[in-house]
Amino acid sequence: MHHINVIITALRILLAVAAIIAVLNIGMGLFALIKNDHGVARSFLAQTFKVPDFTINEEVGVAATFGVLYGALLFYLIYGIKHFYRCLVKIKSGKMFYNDQGEDFRKAGASIIIFAKTKYLLYCCTGAVVFFDITMFFKQILPFLGVYLAGKLFYLMAYMAEKGEFIQEENELTI
């Protein structure tokens, strides 16, 4: 059970860090929009993208849109990871298989996969369309595949949990 405690602690840290990053992204995007400051927008976007030397008129709007969308995506990821967190807490309490465990794993996997696909599209579209940085498609492929495969592993865990629920019900009925 020590390993589950480590995973639960790591998930708590992950949820807290993701929430902080989401709030910071939304805050920076809205701050740049409210102040209408190209310098703030440029420095915010330069953390992720190769910003050209010339100023783009829509830079503030791009920073605000990107910050809010990425922050919302992170909050959606938090929603999905909380399903996995609940599963681990129930497993720690001794309920190895329970009703709807497969559904919880499936919801976690679906939200992780949706996060991976949408983040890839957001980064690639912003980089390629706004900053003409075609290399963003290649820079983001490895993070995308890693997160996407993690989501697929949750689908596998959902299948295993459903089979475990079925076997446990069969054992309880057999006397």
C-alpha atoms as a PDB file:
ATOM      1  CA  MET A   1       0.000   0.000   0.000  1.00  0.00           C
ATOM      2  CA  HIS A   2       3.027   2.268   0.276  1.00  0.00           C
ATOM      3  CA  HIS A   3       3.106   2.666  -3.497  1.00  0.00           C
ATOM      4  CA  ILE A   4      -0.492   3.877  -3.570  1.00  0.00           C
ATOM      5  CA  ASN A   5       0.348   6.500  -0.939  1.00  0.00           C
ATOM      6  CA  VAL A   6       3.201   7.747  -3.133  1.00  0.00           C
ATOM      7  CA  ILE A   7       0.927   7.928  -6.184  1.00  0.00           C
ATOM      8  CA  ILE A   8      -1.819   9.707  -4.220  1.00  0.00           C
ATOM      9  CA  THR A   9       0.703  12.261  -2.927  1.00  0.00           C
ATOM     10  CA  ALA A  10       2.103  12.779  -6.428  1.00  0.00           C
ATOM     11  CA  LEU A  11      -1.435  13.281  -7.783  1.00  0.00           C
ATOM     12  CA  ARG A  12      -2.176  15.872  -5.105  1.00  0.00           C
ATOM     13  CA  ILE A  13       0.964  17.760  -6.095  1.00  0.00           C
ATOM     14  CA  LEU A  14       0.096  17.418  -9.792  1.00  0.00           C
ATOM     15  CA  LEU A  15      -3.418  18.761  -9.216  1.00  0.00           C
ATOM     16  CA  ALA A  16      -2.113  21.717  -7.207  1.00  0.00           C
ATOM     17  CA  VAL A  17       0.586  22.591  -9.752  1.00  0.00           C
ATOM     18  CA  ALA A  18      -1.840  22.255 -12.682  1.00  0.00           C
ATOM     19  CA  ALA A  19      -4.323  24.543 -10.918  1.00  0.00           C
ATOM     20  CA  ILE A  20      -1.624  27.148 -10.249  1.00  0.00           C
ATOM     21  CA  ILE A  21      -0.399  27.035 -13.851  1.00  0.00           C
ATOM     22  CA  ALA A  22      -3.986  27.303 -15.124  1.00  0.00           C
ATOM     23  CA  VAL A  23      -4.685  30.355 -12.977  1.00  0.00           C
ATOM     24  CA  LEU A  24      -1.377  31.955 -14.009  1.00  0.00           C
ATOM     25  CA  ASN A  25      -2.077  31.402 -17.721  1.00  0.00           C
ATOM     26  CA  ILE A  26      -5.576  32.821 -17.479  1.00  0.00           C
ATOM     27  CA  GLY A  27      -4.320  35.689 -15.326  1.00  0.00           C
ATOM     28  CA  MET A  28      -1.459  36.606 -17.675  1.00  0.00           C
ATOM     29  CA  GLY A  29      -3.714  36.449 -20.703  1.00  0.00           C
ATOM     30  CA  LEU A  30      -6.355  38.657 -19.123  1.00  0.00           C
ATOM     31  CA  PHE A  31      -3.731  41.016 -17.673  1.00  0.00           C
ATOM     32  CA  ALA A  32      -2.234  41.568 -21.124  1.00  0.00           C
ATOM     33  CA  LEU A  33      -5.734  42.173 -22.529  1.00  0.00           C
ATOM     34  CA  ILE A  34      -6.827  44.585 -19.804  1.00  0.00           C
ATOM     35  CA  LYS A  35      -3.572  46.568 -19.897  1.00  0.00           C
ATOM     36  CA  ASN A  36      -3.403  46.279 -23.700  1.00  0.00           C
ATOM     37  CA  ASP A  37       0.343  45.921 -23.248  1.00  0.00           C
ATOM     38  CA  HIS A  38       2.249  44.400 -26.171  1.00  0.00           C
ATOM     39  CA  GLY A  39       5.339  43.907 -23.989  1.00  0.00           C
ATOM     40  CA  VAL A  40       3.483  41.733 -21.477  1.00  0.00           C
ATOM     41  CA  ALA A  41       1.780  39.798 -24.292  1.00  0.00           C
ATOM     42  CA  ARG A  42       5.084  39.319 -26.109  1.00  0.00           C
ATOM     43  CA  SER A  43       6.925  38.057 -23.027  1.00  0.00           C
ATOM     44  CA  PHE A  44       4.029  35.725 -22.174  1.00  0.00           C
ATOM     45  CA  LEU A  45       3.955  34.250 -25.673  1.00  0.00           C
ATOM     46  CA  ALA A  46       7.765  34.093 -25.934  1.00  0.00           C
ATOM     47  CA  GLN A  47       7.803  31.536 -23.106  1.00  0.00           C
ATOM     48  CA  THR A  48       6.214  29.020 -25.479  1.00  0.00           C
ATOM     49  CA  PHE A  49       6.577  30.266 -29.054  1.00  0.00           C
ATOM     50  CA  LYS A  50       9.318  31.666 -31.256  1.00  0.00           C
ATOM     51  CA  VAL A  51       8.032  35.230 -31.420  1.00  0.00           C
ATOM     52  CA  PRO A  52       9.254  37.270 -34.433  1.00  0.00           C
ATOM     53  CA  ASP A  53      11.201  40.491 -33.984  1.00  0.00           C
ATOM     54  CA  PHE A  54       8.397  42.633 -35.417  1.00  0.00           C
ATOM     55  CA  THR A  55       5.224  43.420 -33.483  1.00  0.00           C
ATOM     56  CA  ILE A  56       1.982  41.742 -34.505  1.00  0.00           C
ATOM     57  CA  ASN A  57      -1.123  43.900 -34.083  1.00  0.00           C
ATOM     58  CA  GLU A  58      -3.169  41.051 -32.631  1.00  0.00           C
ATOM     59  CA  GLU A  59      -0.467  40.003 -30.142  1.00  0.00           C
ATOM     60  CA  VAL A  60      -2.500  41.040 -27.106  1.00  0.00           C
ATOM     61  CA  GLY A  61      -5.579  39.204 -28.342  1.00  0.00           C
ATOM     62  CA  VAL A  62      -3.531  36.106 -29.140  1.00  0.00           C
ATOM     63  CA  ALA A  63      -1.959  36.148 -25.665  1.00  0.00           C
ATOM     64  CA  ALA A  64      -5.353  36.529 -23.994  1.00  0.00           C
ATOM     65  CA  THR A  65      -6.965  33.814 -26.102  1.00  0.00           C
ATOM     66  CA  PHE A  66      -4.066  31.413 -25.681  1.00  0.00           C
ATOM     67  CA  GLY A  67      -3.843  31.987 -21.921  1.00  0.00           C
ATOM     68  CA  VAL A  68      -7.552  31.502 -21.307  1.00  0.00           C
ATOM     69  CA  LEU A  69      -7.831  28.445 -23.562  1.00  0.00           C
ATOM     70  CA  TYR A  70      -4.771  26.739 -22.116  1.00  0.00           C
ATOM     71  CA  GLY A  71      -5.924  27.505 -18.579  1.00  0.00           C
ATOM     72  CA  ALA A  72      -9.354  26.052 -19.350  1.00  0.00           C
ATOM     73  CA  LEU A  73      -7.683  22.943 -20.806  1.00  0.00           C
ATOM     74  CA  LEU A  74      -5.685  22.493 -17.618  1.00  0.00           C
ATOM     75  CA  PHE A  75      -8.843  22.761 -15.524  1.00  0.00           C
ATOM     76  CA  TYR A  76     -10.421  20.087 -17.732  1.00  0.00           C
ATOM     77  CA  LEU A  77      -7.380  17.876 -17.152  1.00  0.00           C
ATOM     78  CA  ILE A  78      -7.753  18.415 -13.409  1.00  0.00           C
ATOM     79  CA  TYR A  79     -11.376  17.281 -13.675  1.00  0.00           C
ATOM     80  CA  GLY A  80     -10.278  14.044 -15.351  1.00  0.00           C
ATOM     81  CA  ILE A  81      -7.395  13.333 -12.990  1.00  0.00           C
ATOM     82  CA  LYS A  82      -9.741  13.709 -10.024  1.00  0.00           C
ATOM     83  CA  HIS A  83     -11.596  10.604 -11.260  1.00  0.00           C
ATOM     84  CA  PHE A  84      -8.349   8.645 -11.105  1.00  0.00           C
ATOM     85  CA  TYR A  85      -7.570  10.145  -7.686  1.00  0.00           C
ATOM     86  CA  ARG A  86     -10.945   8.942  -6.359  1.00  0.00           C
ATOM     87  CA  CYS A  87     -10.226   5.439  -7.682  1.00  0.00           C
ATOM     88  CA  LEU A  88      -6.917   5.316  -5.855  1.00  0.00           C
ATOM     89  CA  VAL A  89      -8.448   6.540  -2.601  1.00  0.00           C
ATOM     90  CA  LYS A  90     -11.074   3.781  -2.778  1.00  0.00           C
ATOM     91  CA  ILE A  91      -8.420   1.174  -3.571  1.00  0.00           C
ATOM     92  CA  LYS A  92      -6.373   2.392  -0.615  1.00  0.00           C
ATOM     93  CA  SER A  93      -9.389   1.991   1.654  1.00  0.00           C
ATOM     94  CA  GLY A  94      -9.623  -1.674   0.668  1.00  0.00           C
ATOM     95  CA  LYS A  95     -12.150  -1.628  -2.166  1.00  0.00           C
ATOM     96  CA  MET A  96     -10.050  -3.216  -4.892  1.00  0.00           C
ATOM     97  CA  PHE A  97     -13.052  -3.459  -7.230  1.00  0.00           C
ATOM     98  CA  TYR A  98     -16.250  -1.454  -6.866  1.00  0.00           C
ATOM     99  CA  ASN A  99     -19.203  -0.468  -8.996  1.00  0.00           C
ATOM    100  CA  ASP A 100     -18.398   2.179 -11.601  1.00  0.00           C
ATOM    101  CA  GLN A 101     -14.632   1.824 -11.166  1.00  0.00           C
ATOM    102  CA  GLY A 102     -14.259   1.105 -14.862  1.00  0.00           C
ATOM    103  CA  GLU A 103     -16.334   4.184 -15.641  1.00  0.00           C
ATOM    104  CA  ASP A 104     -14.079   6.346 -13.442  1.00  0.00           C
ATOM    105  CA  PHE A 105     -10.973   5.064 -15.229  1.00  0.00           C
ATOM    106  CA  ARG A 106     -12.663   5.616 -18.589  1.00  0.00           C
ATOM    107  CA  LYS A 107     -13.585   9.223 -17.712  1.00  0.00           C
ATOM    108  CA  ALA A 108     -10.017   9.890 -16.585  1.00  0.00           C
ATOM    109  CA  GLY A 109      -8.628   8.397 -19.790  1.00  0.00           C
ATOM    110  CA  ALA A 110     -11.055  10.282 -22.003  1.00  0.00           C
ATOM    111  CA  SER A 111     -10.248  13.624 -20.412  1.00  0.00           C
ATOM    112  CA  ILE A 112      -6.502  12.988 -20.684  1.00  0.00           C
ATOM    113  CA  ILE A 113      -6.823  12.084 -24.371  1.00  0.00           C
ATOM    114  CA  ILE A 114      -9.013  15.112 -25.093  1.00  0.00           C
ATOM    115  CA  PHE A 115      -6.495  17.292 -23.240  1.00  0.00           C
ATOM    116  CA  ALA A 116      -3.601  15.870 -25.295  1.00  0.00           C
ATOM    117  CA  LYS A 117      -5.345  16.369 -28.644  1.00  0.00           C
ATOM    118  CA  THR A 118      -6.637  19.844 -27.851  1.00  0.00           C
ATOM    119  CA  LYS A 119      -3.317  21.036 -26.414  1.00  0.00           C
ATOM    120  CA  TYR A 120      -1.525  19.792 -29.527  1.00  0.00           C
ATOM    121  CA  LEU A 121      -3.994  21.633 -31.761  1.00  0.00           C
ATOM    122  CA  LEU A 122      -3.822  24.806 -29.665  1.00  0.00           C
ATOM    123  CA  TYR A 123      -0.036  24.936 -29.663  1.00  0.00           C
ATOM    124  CA  CYS A 124       0.370  23.973 -33.316  1.00  0.00           C
ATOM    125  CA  CYS A 125      -2.329  26.288 -34.618  1.00  0.00           C
ATOM    126  CA  THR A 126      -1.086  29.226 -32.569  1.00  0.00           C
ATOM    127  CA  GLY A 127       2.531  28.586 -33.559  1.00  0.00           C
ATOM    128  CA  ALA A 128       1.888  27.901 -37.231  1.00  0.00           C
ATOM    129  CA  VAL A 129      -0.908  30.371 -37.955  1.00  0.00           C
ATOM    130  CA  VAL A 130       0.102  33.341 -35.810  1.00  0.00           C
ATOM    131  CA  PHE A 131       3.896  33.067 -35.715  1.00  0.00           C
ATOM    132  CA  PHE A 132       4.485  31.013 -38.900  1.00  0.00           C
ATOM    133  CA  ASP A 133       6.460  28.471 -36.873  1.00  0.00           C
ATOM    134  CA  ILE A 134       5.943  25.166 -38.666  1.00  0.00           C
ATOM    135  CA  THR A 135       8.443  23.449 -36.351  1.00  0.00           C
ATOM    136  CA  MET A 136       5.823  23.590 -33.591  1.00  0.00           C
ATOM    137  CA  PHE A 137       4.182  20.528 -35.189  1.00  0.00           C
ATOM    138  CA  PHE A 138       7.363  18.551 -34.543  1.00  0.00           C
ATOM    139  CA  LYS A 139       8.220  20.073 -31.151  1.00  0.00           C
ATOM    140  CA  GLN A 140       4.830  19.131 -29.719  1.00  0.00           C
ATOM    141  CA  ILE A 141       4.564  15.586 -31.096  1.00  0.00           C
ATOM    142  CA  LEU A 142       6.503  13.863 -28.274  1.00  0.00           C
ATOM    143  CA  PRO A 143       4.606  15.549 -25.412  1.00  0.00           C
ATOM    144  CA  PHE A 144       1.377  14.804 -27.271  1.00  0.00           C
ATOM    145  CA  LEU A 145       2.207  11.121 -27.715  1.00  0.00           C
ATOM    146  CA  GLY A 146       3.253  10.732 -24.085  1.00  0.00           C
ATOM    147  CA  VAL A 147       0.054  12.207 -22.699  1.00  0.00           C
ATOM    148  CA  TYR A 148      -2.084  10.468 -25.330  1.00  0.00           C
ATOM    149  CA  LEU A 149      -0.602   7.053 -24.492  1.00  0.00           C
ATOM    150  CA  ALA A 150      -1.154   7.705 -20.788  1.00  0.00           C
ATOM    151  CA  GLY A 151      -4.831   8.269 -21.575  1.00  0.00           C
ATOM    152  CA  LYS A 152      -4.938   5.016 -23.531  1.00  0.00           C
ATOM    153  CA  LEU A 153      -3.441   3.211 -20.517  1.00  0.00           C
ATOM    154  CA  PHE A 154      -6.375   4.476 -18.473  1.00  0.00           C
ATOM    155  CA  TYR A 155      -8.705   2.854 -21.004  1.00  0.00           C
ATOM    156  CA  LEU A 156      -6.818  -0.398 -20.499  1.00  0.00           C
ATOM    157  CA  MET A 157      -7.180  -0.019 -16.735  1.00  0.00           C
ATOM    158  CA  ALA A 158     -10.924   0.584 -17.205  1.00  0.00           C
ATOM    159  CA  TYR A 159     -11.232  -2.679 -19.113  1.00  0.00           C
ATOM    160  CA  MET A 160      -9.296  -4.542 -16.415  1.00  0.00           C
ATOM    161  CA  ALA A 161     -11.424  -2.983 -13.665  1.00  0.00           C
ATOM    162  CA  GLU A 162     -14.635  -4.027 -15.421  1.00  0.00           C
ATOM    163  CA  LYS A 163     -13.368  -7.609 -15.758  1.00  0.00           C
ATOM    164  CA  GLY A 164     -12.308  -7.558 -12.099  1.00  0.00           C
ATOM    165  CA  GLU A 165     -15.762  -6.353 -11.046  1.00  0.00           C
ATOM    166  CA  PHE A 166     -17.327  -9.194 -13.014  1.00  0.00           C
ATOM    167  CA  ILE A 167     -15.010 -11.824 -11.502  1.00  0.00           C
ATOM    168  CA  GLN A 168     -15.607 -10.469  -7.991  1.00  0.00           C
ATOM    169  CA  GLU A 169     -19.406 -10.654  -8.488  1.00  0.00           C
ATOM    170  CA  GLU A 170     -19.070 -14.231  -9.756  1.00  0.00           C
ATOM    171  CA  ASN A 171     -16.980 -15.202  -6.712  1.00  0.00           C
ATOM    172  CA  GLU A 172     -19.510 -13.664  -4.322  1.00  0.00           C
ATOM    173  CA  LEU A 173     -22.324 -15.653  -5.938  1.00  0.00           C
ATOM    174  CA  THR A 174     -20.389 -18.933  -5.811  1.00  0.00           C
ATOM    175  CA  ILE A 175     -20.584 -20.583  -2.409  1.00  0.00           C
END
